[in-house]
């Protein structure tokens, strides 16, 4: 999905820092796993344990080689509308090009759950999850908030770039752009506060399931796309 999104954007001459930032968010997982191992090493004097920790540290690149993010989406790019189609159809079409990517970006930058880091199984016979609280802090929240705003702006910018590249097909390009903005603003107002609160609680050390967040995204997704004209 990420590679296809990058390919489409490059074909239109659009840069891809928004796409690359998904991988940057995913990097929290190996980074925090490595930090937990380093903290364990710093307090260990047992040489056999230190050796197990060093082996686990060296294995981190392989362990996290395949990205796995806790998000779901049933939205795939909608069929290309015919020239002169309803503005709502065009707006939903362009937003559908970005929606799954937006969900992936937000999921990537959520403070990862202990299960995503795998801290209980990094070292054979040892649970390093107690160290995770030391490698992140509530002070990280402003950075996450800035990322969330960036992702929603990016989703609009990219969808709008596609729309502008085909504006000759629209009867009312300004209306298509306005609808895109309204749809993303509605999603932003419902979802960013939920993501912010969930992040705050995880950064404070709470173990918080991701299902309620994904359910909220599902609800917004249905509202935006289920009524899409066919």
C-alpha atoms as a PDB file:
ATOM      1  CA  UNK A   1       0.000   0.000   0.000  1.00  0.00           C
ATOM      2  CA  UNK A   2       2.757   2.435   0.947  1.00  0.00           C
ATOM      3  CA  UNK A   3       4.753   1.649  -2.186  1.00  0.00           C
ATOM      4  CA  UNK A   4       1.693   2.093  -4.420  1.00  0.00           C
ATOM      5  CA  UNK A   5       0.861   5.417  -2.786  1.00  0.00           C
ATOM      6  CA  UNK A   6       4.425   6.603  -3.380  1.00  0.00           C
ATOM      7  CA  UNK A   7       4.282   5.466  -7.014  1.00  0.00           C
ATOM      8  CA  UNK A   8       1.052   7.381  -7.693  1.00  0.00           C
ATOM      9  CA  UNK A   9       2.429  10.555  -6.145  1.00  0.00           C
ATOM     10  CA  UNK A  10       5.724  10.339  -8.010  1.00  0.00           C
ATOM     11  CA  UNK A  11       3.805   9.923 -11.274  1.00  0.00           C
ATOM     12  CA  UNK A  12       2.221  13.326 -10.610  1.00  0.00           C
ATOM     13  CA  UNK A  13       5.501  14.892  -9.561  1.00  0.00           C
ATOM     14  CA  UNK A  14       4.462  15.070  -5.886  1.00  0.00           C
ATOM     15  CA  UNK A  15       7.082  14.554  -3.181  1.00  0.00           C
ATOM     16  CA  UNK A  16       6.607  11.714  -0.713  1.00  0.00           C
ATOM     17  CA  UNK A  17       7.738  12.846   2.760  1.00  0.00           C
ATOM     18  CA  UNK A  18       4.223  12.054   4.041  1.00  0.00           C
ATOM     19  CA  UNK A  19       4.624   8.456   2.866  1.00  0.00           C
ATOM     20  CA  UNK A  20       8.121   8.187   4.309  1.00  0.00           C
ATOM     21  CA  UNK A  21       6.897   9.440   7.667  1.00  0.00           C
ATOM     22  CA  UNK A  22       4.867   6.243   8.079  1.00  0.00           C
ATOM     23  CA  UNK A  23       8.091   4.282   8.180  1.00  0.00           C
ATOM     24  CA  UNK A  24       9.518   6.850  10.571  1.00  0.00           C
ATOM     25  CA  UNK A  25       6.631   6.235  12.939  1.00  0.00           C
ATOM     26  CA  UNK A  26       7.004   2.489  12.695  1.00  0.00           C
ATOM     27  CA  UNK A  27      10.652   2.942  13.739  1.00  0.00           C
ATOM     28  CA  UNK A  28       9.442   3.669  17.279  1.00  0.00           C
ATOM     29  CA  UNK A  29       9.070  -0.064  17.761  1.00  0.00           C
ATOM     30  CA  UNK A  30      12.667  -1.163  17.095  1.00  0.00           C
ATOM     31  CA  UNK A  31      13.986   2.029  18.689  1.00  0.00           C
ATOM     32  CA  UNK A  32      12.133   1.420  21.935  1.00  0.00           C
ATOM     33  CA  UNK A  33      13.057  -2.259  21.916  1.00  0.00           C
ATOM     34  CA  UNK A  34      16.716  -1.288  21.541  1.00  0.00           C
ATOM     35  CA  UNK A  35      16.423   1.308  24.313  1.00  0.00           C
ATOM     36  CA  UNK A  36      14.914  -1.255  26.677  1.00  0.00           C
ATOM     37  CA  UNK A  37      17.790  -3.647  26.023  1.00  0.00           C
ATOM     38  CA  UNK A  38      20.365  -0.887  26.544  1.00  0.00           C
ATOM     39  CA  UNK A  39      18.777   0.027  29.876  1.00  0.00           C
ATOM     40  CA  UNK A  40      18.844  -3.612  30.935  1.00  0.00           C
ATOM     41  CA  UNK A  41      22.495  -3.832  29.922  1.00  0.00           C
ATOM     42  CA  UNK A  42      23.345  -0.721  31.908  1.00  0.00           C
ATOM     43  CA  UNK A  43      22.157  -2.255  35.166  1.00  0.00           C
ATOM     44  CA  UNK A  44      23.327  -5.826  34.625  1.00  0.00           C
ATOM     45  CA  UNK A  45      26.577  -7.208  36.029  1.00  0.00           C
ATOM     46  CA  UNK A  46      25.941 -10.850  35.169  1.00  0.00           C
ATOM     47  CA  UNK A  47      28.062 -11.632  32.123  1.00  0.00           C
ATOM     48  CA  UNK A  48      25.838 -14.447  30.830  1.00  0.00           C
ATOM     49  CA  UNK A  49      22.793 -12.146  30.996  1.00  0.00           C
ATOM     50  CA  UNK A  50      24.698  -9.365  29.295  1.00  0.00           C
ATOM     51  CA  UNK A  51      25.596 -11.732  26.478  1.00  0.00           C
ATOM     52  CA  UNK A  52      21.914 -12.691  26.014  1.00  0.00           C
ATOM     53  CA  UNK A  53      21.013  -9.010  25.922  1.00  0.00           C
ATOM     54  CA  UNK A  54      23.704  -8.273  23.319  1.00  0.00           C
ATOM     55  CA  UNK A  55      22.425 -11.134  21.141  1.00  0.00           C
ATOM     56  CA  UNK A  56      18.885  -9.748  21.411  1.00  0.00           C
ATOM     57  CA  UNK A  57      20.116  -6.269  20.529  1.00  0.00           C
ATOM     58  CA  UNK A  58      21.884  -7.544  17.401  1.00  0.00           C
ATOM     59  CA  UNK A  59      18.699  -9.376  16.361  1.00  0.00           C
ATOM     60  CA  UNK A  60      16.488  -6.258  16.410  1.00  0.00           C
ATOM     61  CA  UNK A  61      16.831  -5.413  12.672  1.00  0.00           C
ATOM     62  CA  UNK A  62      15.699  -8.888  11.701  1.00  0.00           C
ATOM     63  CA  UNK A  63      12.913  -8.974  14.302  1.00  0.00           C
ATOM     64  CA  UNK A  64      11.359  -5.775  12.972  1.00  0.00           C
ATOM     65  CA  UNK A  65      12.108  -6.316   9.298  1.00  0.00           C
ATOM     66  CA  UNK A  66       8.444  -6.782   8.388  1.00  0.00           C
ATOM     67  CA  UNK A  67       6.274  -3.782   9.325  1.00  0.00           C
ATOM     68  CA  UNK A  68       3.026  -4.685  11.071  1.00  0.00           C
ATOM     69  CA  UNK A  69       0.685  -1.880  12.096  1.00  0.00           C
ATOM     70  CA  UNK A  70      -2.494  -2.147  14.163  1.00  0.00           C
ATOM     71  CA  UNK A  71      -4.942  -0.548  11.784  1.00  0.00           C
ATOM     72  CA  UNK A  72      -7.613  -1.653   9.382  1.00  0.00           C
ATOM     73  CA  UNK A  73      -9.504  -0.029   6.552  1.00  0.00           C
ATOM     74  CA  UNK A  74     -12.128  -1.269   4.124  1.00  0.00           C
ATOM     75  CA  UNK A  75     -11.673   1.755   1.863  1.00  0.00           C
ATOM     76  CA  UNK A  76      -9.946   1.168  -1.427  1.00  0.00           C
ATOM     77  CA  UNK A  77      -9.560   3.762  -4.193  1.00  0.00           C
ATOM     78  CA  UNK A  78     -13.010   4.267  -5.698  1.00  0.00           C
ATOM     79  CA  UNK A  79     -13.646   3.981  -9.448  1.00  0.00           C
ATOM     80  CA  UNK A  80     -12.667   7.057 -11.422  1.00  0.00           C
ATOM     81  CA  UNK A  81     -15.785   9.198 -11.995  1.00  0.00           C
ATOM     82  CA  UNK A  82     -16.896  10.244 -15.438  1.00  0.00           C
ATOM     83  CA  UNK A  83     -16.211  13.789 -16.560  1.00  0.00           C
ATOM     84  CA  UNK A  84     -18.777  16.207 -15.191  1.00  0.00           C
ATOM     85  CA  UNK A  85     -19.852  13.894 -12.374  1.00  0.00           C
ATOM     86  CA  UNK A  86     -21.256  15.168  -9.093  1.00  0.00           C
ATOM     87  CA  UNK A  87     -18.756  17.079  -6.923  1.00  0.00           C
ATOM     88  CA  UNK A  88     -19.448  14.687  -4.014  1.00  0.00           C
ATOM     89  CA  UNK A  89     -18.436  11.751  -6.182  1.00  0.00           C
ATOM     90  CA  UNK A  90     -15.168  13.443  -7.143  1.00  0.00           C
ATOM     91  CA  UNK A  91     -14.382  14.486  -3.572  1.00  0.00           C
ATOM     92  CA  UNK A  92     -14.948  10.973  -2.255  1.00  0.00           C
ATOM     93  CA  UNK A  93     -12.891   9.560  -5.098  1.00  0.00           C
ATOM     94  CA  UNK A  94      -9.874  11.744  -4.257  1.00  0.00           C
ATOM     95  CA  UNK A  95     -10.208  11.175  -0.516  1.00  0.00           C
ATOM     96  CA  UNK A  96     -10.376   7.417  -1.100  1.00  0.00           C
ATOM     97  CA  UNK A  97      -6.900   7.626  -2.642  1.00  0.00           C
ATOM     98  CA  UNK A  98      -5.521   8.894   0.677  1.00  0.00           C
ATOM     99  CA  UNK A  99      -7.725   7.424   3.381  1.00  0.00           C
ATOM    100  CA  UNK A 100      -5.975   4.110   4.071  1.00  0.00           C
ATOM    101  CA  UNK A 101      -2.630   5.912   3.937  1.00  0.00           C
ATOM    102  CA  UNK A 102      -3.872   8.436   6.505  1.00  0.00           C
ATOM    103  CA  UNK A 103      -4.983   5.612   8.808  1.00  0.00           C
ATOM    104  CA  UNK A 104      -1.629   3.894   8.386  1.00  0.00           C
ATOM    105  CA  UNK A 105       0.265   7.089   9.219  1.00  0.00           C
ATOM    106  CA  UNK A 106      -1.724   7.693  12.396  1.00  0.00           C
ATOM    107  CA  UNK A 107      -1.362   4.053  13.464  1.00  0.00           C
ATOM    108  CA  UNK A 108       2.386   4.151  12.850  1.00  0.00           C
ATOM    109  CA  UNK A 109       2.868   7.143  15.137  1.00  0.00           C
ATOM    110  CA  UNK A 110       0.708   5.950  18.024  1.00  0.00           C
ATOM    111  CA  UNK A 111       2.856   5.146  21.059  1.00  0.00           C
ATOM    112  CA  UNK A 112       3.283   1.404  20.439  1.00  0.00           C
ATOM    113  CA  UNK A 113       1.736  -1.136  22.764  1.00  0.00           C
ATOM    114  CA  UNK A 114       4.058  -3.485  24.616  1.00  0.00           C
ATOM    115  CA  UNK A 115       2.868  -6.292  22.354  1.00  0.00           C
ATOM    116  CA  UNK A 116       3.978  -4.352  19.274  1.00  0.00           C
ATOM    117  CA  UNK A 117       7.437  -3.844  20.752  1.00  0.00           C
ATOM    118  CA  UNK A 118       7.571  -7.455  21.886  1.00  0.00           C
ATOM    119  CA  UNK A 119       9.332  -6.466  25.100  1.00  0.00           C
ATOM    120  CA  UNK A 120       8.196  -9.622  26.879  1.00  0.00           C
ATOM    121  CA  UNK A 121       9.996 -11.814  24.343  1.00  0.00           C
ATOM    122  CA  UNK A 122      13.044  -9.827  23.269  1.00  0.00           C
ATOM    123  CA  UNK A 123      15.298 -11.916  25.500  1.00  0.00           C
ATOM    124  CA  UNK A 124      14.662 -15.584  26.128  1.00  0.00           C
ATOM    125  CA  UNK A 125      13.238 -16.133  29.591  1.00  0.00           C
ATOM    126  CA  UNK A 126      13.140 -12.440  30.483  1.00  0.00           C
ATOM    127  CA  UNK A 127      10.510  -9.686  30.362  1.00  0.00           C
ATOM    128  CA  UNK A 128      11.883  -6.220  29.593  1.00  0.00           C
ATOM    129  CA  UNK A 129       8.539  -4.412  29.552  1.00  0.00           C
ATOM    130  CA  UNK A 130       9.315  -2.658  32.831  1.00  0.00           C
ATOM    131  CA  UNK A 131      11.929  -0.619  30.947  1.00  0.00           C
ATOM    132  CA  UNK A 132       9.513   0.721  28.331  1.00  0.00           C
ATOM    133  CA  UNK A 133       8.152   3.332  30.711  1.00  0.00           C
ATOM    134  CA  UNK A 134      11.661   4.739  31.010  1.00  0.00           C
ATOM    135  CA  UNK A 135      12.125   5.264  27.282  1.00  0.00           C
ATOM    136  CA  UNK A 136       9.021   7.378  26.686  1.00  0.00           C
ATOM    137  CA  UNK A 137       7.366  10.197  28.530  1.00  0.00           C
ATOM    138  CA  UNK A 138       4.207  12.354  28.537  1.00  0.00           C
ATOM    139  CA  UNK A 139       6.524  15.092  27.285  1.00  0.00           C
ATOM    140  CA  UNK A 140       6.477  13.289  23.917  1.00  0.00           C
ATOM    141  CA  UNK A 141       2.788  14.194  23.433  1.00  0.00           C
ATOM    142  CA  UNK A 142       3.288  17.571  21.664  1.00  0.00           C
ATOM    143  CA  UNK A 143       5.387  15.863  18.992  1.00  0.00           C
ATOM    144  CA  UNK A 144       2.630  13.332  18.380  1.00  0.00           C
ATOM    145  CA  UNK A 145      -0.014  16.057  18.238  1.00  0.00           C
ATOM    146  CA  UNK A 146       2.015  17.892  15.607  1.00  0.00           C
ATOM    147  CA  UNK A 147       2.295  14.689  13.590  1.00  0.00           C
ATOM    148  CA  UNK A 148      -1.473  14.130  13.682  1.00  0.00           C
ATOM    149  CA  UNK A 149      -2.128  17.618  12.380  1.00  0.00           C
ATOM    150  CA  UNK A 150       0.545  17.092   9.721  1.00  0.00           C
ATOM    151  CA  UNK A 151      -1.064  13.860   8.541  1.00  0.00           C
ATOM    152  CA  UNK A 152      -4.524  15.370   8.119  1.00  0.00           C
ATOM    153  CA  UNK A 153      -3.054  18.367   6.293  1.00  0.00           C
ATOM    154  CA  UNK A 154      -1.038  15.981   4.149  1.00  0.00           C
ATOM    155  CA  UNK A 155      -4.107  13.921   3.274  1.00  0.00           C
ATOM    156  CA  UNK A 156      -5.860  17.082   2.081  1.00  0.00           C
ATOM    157  CA  UNK A 157      -2.820  18.393   0.213  1.00  0.00           C
ATOM    158  CA  UNK A 158      -2.312  15.156  -1.683  1.00  0.00           C
ATOM    159  CA  UNK A 159      -6.002  14.614  -2.432  1.00  0.00           C
ATOM    160  CA  UNK A 160      -6.228  18.245  -3.556  1.00  0.00           C
ATOM    161  CA  UNK A 161      -3.156  17.819  -5.764  1.00  0.00           C
ATOM    162  CA  UNK A 162      -4.853  14.910  -7.538  1.00  0.00           C
ATOM    163  CA  UNK A 163      -8.025  16.966  -7.877  1.00  0.00           C
ATOM    164  CA  UNK A 164      -6.194  19.959  -9.340  1.00  0.00           C
ATOM    165  CA  UNK A 165      -4.411  17.719 -11.844  1.00  0.00           C
ATOM    166  CA  UNK A 166      -7.859  16.709 -13.191  1.00  0.00           C
ATOM    167  CA  UNK A 167      -9.777  19.939 -12.651  1.00  0.00           C
ATOM    168  CA  UNK A 168     -10.580  20.117 -16.373  1.00  0.00           C
ATOM    169  CA  UNK A 169     -12.899  17.134 -15.755  1.00  0.00           C
ATOM    170  CA  UNK A 170     -14.895  18.895 -13.023  1.00  0.00           C
ATOM    171  CA  UNK A 171     -17.889  21.099 -13.598  1.00  0.00           C
ATOM    172  CA  UNK A 172     -17.153  22.892 -10.313  1.00  0.00           C
ATOM    173  CA  UNK A 173     -13.511  22.447  -9.179  1.00  0.00           C
ATOM    174  CA  UNK A 174     -13.941  24.882  -6.282  1.00  0.00           C
ATOM    175  CA  UNK A 175     -16.835  22.815  -4.908  1.00  0.00           C
ATOM    176  CA  UNK A 176     -14.788  19.611  -5.145  1.00  0.00           C
ATOM    177  CA  UNK A 177     -11.993  21.282  -3.170  1.00  0.00           C
ATOM    178  CA  UNK A 178     -14.412  22.631  -0.569  1.00  0.00           C
ATOM    179  CA  UNK A 179     -15.990  19.209  -0.074  1.00  0.00           C
ATOM    180  CA  UNK A 180     -12.584  17.599   0.364  1.00  0.00           C
ATOM    181  CA  UNK A 181     -11.731  20.145   3.035  1.00  0.00           C
ATOM    182  CA  UNK A 182     -15.071  19.657   4.813  1.00  0.00           C
ATOM    183  CA  UNK A 183     -14.786  15.862   4.844  1.00  0.00           C
ATOM    184  CA  UNK A 184     -11.290  15.865   6.293  1.00  0.00           C
ATOM    185  CA  UNK A 185     -12.156  18.574   8.802  1.00  0.00           C
ATOM    186  CA  UNK A 186     -15.095  16.492  10.036  1.00  0.00           C
ATOM    187  CA  UNK A 187     -12.828  13.455  10.409  1.00  0.00           C
ATOM    188  CA  UNK A 188     -10.125  15.499  12.106  1.00  0.00           C
ATOM    189  CA  UNK A 189     -12.506  16.991  14.688  1.00  0.00           C
ATOM    190  CA  UNK A 190     -13.796  13.549  15.674  1.00  0.00           C
ATOM    191  CA  UNK A 191     -10.583  11.556  15.600  1.00  0.00           C
ATOM    192  CA  UNK A 192      -7.681  13.744  16.732  1.00  0.00           C
ATOM    193  CA  UNK A 193      -9.057  14.250  20.279  1.00  0.00           C
ATOM    194  CA  UNK A 194      -9.467  10.470  20.649  1.00  0.00           C
ATOM    195  CA  UNK A 195      -5.965   9.789  19.349  1.00  0.00           C
ATOM    196  CA  UNK A 196      -4.518  12.492  21.602  1.00  0.00           C
ATOM    197  CA  UNK A 197      -6.156  11.082  24.737  1.00  0.00           C
ATOM    198  CA  UNK A 198      -5.150   7.499  23.923  1.00  0.00           C
ATOM    199  CA  UNK A 199      -1.558   8.616  23.327  1.00  0.00           C
ATOM    200  CA  UNK A 200      -1.503  10.578  26.575  1.00  0.00           C
ATOM    201  CA  UNK A 201      -2.599   7.503  28.517  1.00  0.00           C
ATOM    202  CA  UNK A 202      -0.091   5.197  26.832  1.00  0.00           C
ATOM    203  CA  UNK A 203       2.732   7.653  27.392  1.00  0.00           C
ATOM    204  CA  UNK A 204       1.720   7.796  31.041  1.00  0.00           C
ATOM    205  CA  UNK A 205       2.197   4.036  31.302  1.00  0.00           C
ATOM    206  CA  UNK A 206      -1.341   2.736  30.832  1.00  0.00           C
ATOM    207  CA  UNK A 207      -1.912  -0.405  28.799  1.00  0.00           C
ATOM    208  CA  UNK A 208      -4.581   0.711  26.345  1.00  0.00           C
ATOM    209  CA  UNK A 209      -6.216  -1.417  23.657  1.00  0.00           C
ATOM    210  CA  UNK A 210      -6.298  -0.029  20.144  1.00  0.00           C
ATOM    211  CA  UNK A 211      -9.745  -1.458  19.291  1.00  0.00           C
ATOM    212  CA  UNK A 212     -11.780   1.574  20.489  1.00  0.00           C
ATOM    213  CA  UNK A 213      -9.652   3.867  18.327  1.00  0.00           C
ATOM    214  CA  UNK A 214     -10.045   1.667  15.286  1.00  0.00           C
ATOM    215  CA  UNK A 215     -13.802   1.448  15.924  1.00  0.00           C
ATOM    216  CA  UNK A 216     -13.972   5.251  15.914  1.00  0.00           C
ATOM    217  CA  UNK A 217     -12.108   5.357  12.598  1.00  0.00           C
ATOM    218  CA  UNK A 218     -14.488   2.714  11.233  1.00  0.00           C
ATOM    219  CA  UNK A 219     -17.449   4.900  12.149  1.00  0.00           C
ATOM    220  CA  UNK A 220     -16.001   7.968  10.445  1.00  0.00           C
ATOM    221  CA  UNK A 221     -15.068   5.844   7.454  1.00  0.00           C
ATOM    222  CA  UNK A 222     -18.638   4.584   7.078  1.00  0.00           C
ATOM    223  CA  UNK A 223     -20.031   8.110   7.355  1.00  0.00           C
ATOM    224  CA  UNK A 224     -17.685   9.381   4.650  1.00  0.00           C
ATOM    225  CA  UNK A 225     -17.787   6.544   2.166  1.00  0.00           C
ATOM    226  CA  UNK A 226     -20.834   4.297   2.619  1.00  0.00           C
ATOM    227  CA  UNK A 227     -23.099   6.894   1.029  1.00  0.00           C
ATOM    228  CA  UNK A 228     -20.735   7.338  -1.885  1.00  0.00           C
ATOM    229  CA  UNK A 229     -22.642   7.610  -5.188  1.00  0.00           C
ATOM    230  CA  UNK A 230     -22.218   4.570  -7.399  1.00  0.00           C
END
